[in-house]
């Protein structure tokens, strides 16, 4: 993690996160999002994010942690963190899963 001589003020950190969210939201083609993430993140950061995302659907399905670990090789600690975020986070995982699921005809 990057250490700064002085922490970024919360207001600035929030504005920076908003700008990043806007950049991601502006990309509608998965290949463009992928390229942006590759440019933005280190390989280790990409692996960590991909690991978290890969366990989300399994947790939602109710697959036990140990089985998720056996299937994905993601650590049980990471699986637990994702589960806590699903339960008590900002709701982003849930919204992303809903967007990923095919829409039924006639649904809006």
Foldseek 3Di string as FASTA:
>chain_A
DDDDPDDDPPVVVVVVVVVVVVVLVVDDDVVVNVVVCPVVDDPVVVVLVVLLLVCLVVVVVVPDLVVSCVVRVDDSVSSVVSNVCCVDNPCPSVVVVVVVDDDDPPDD
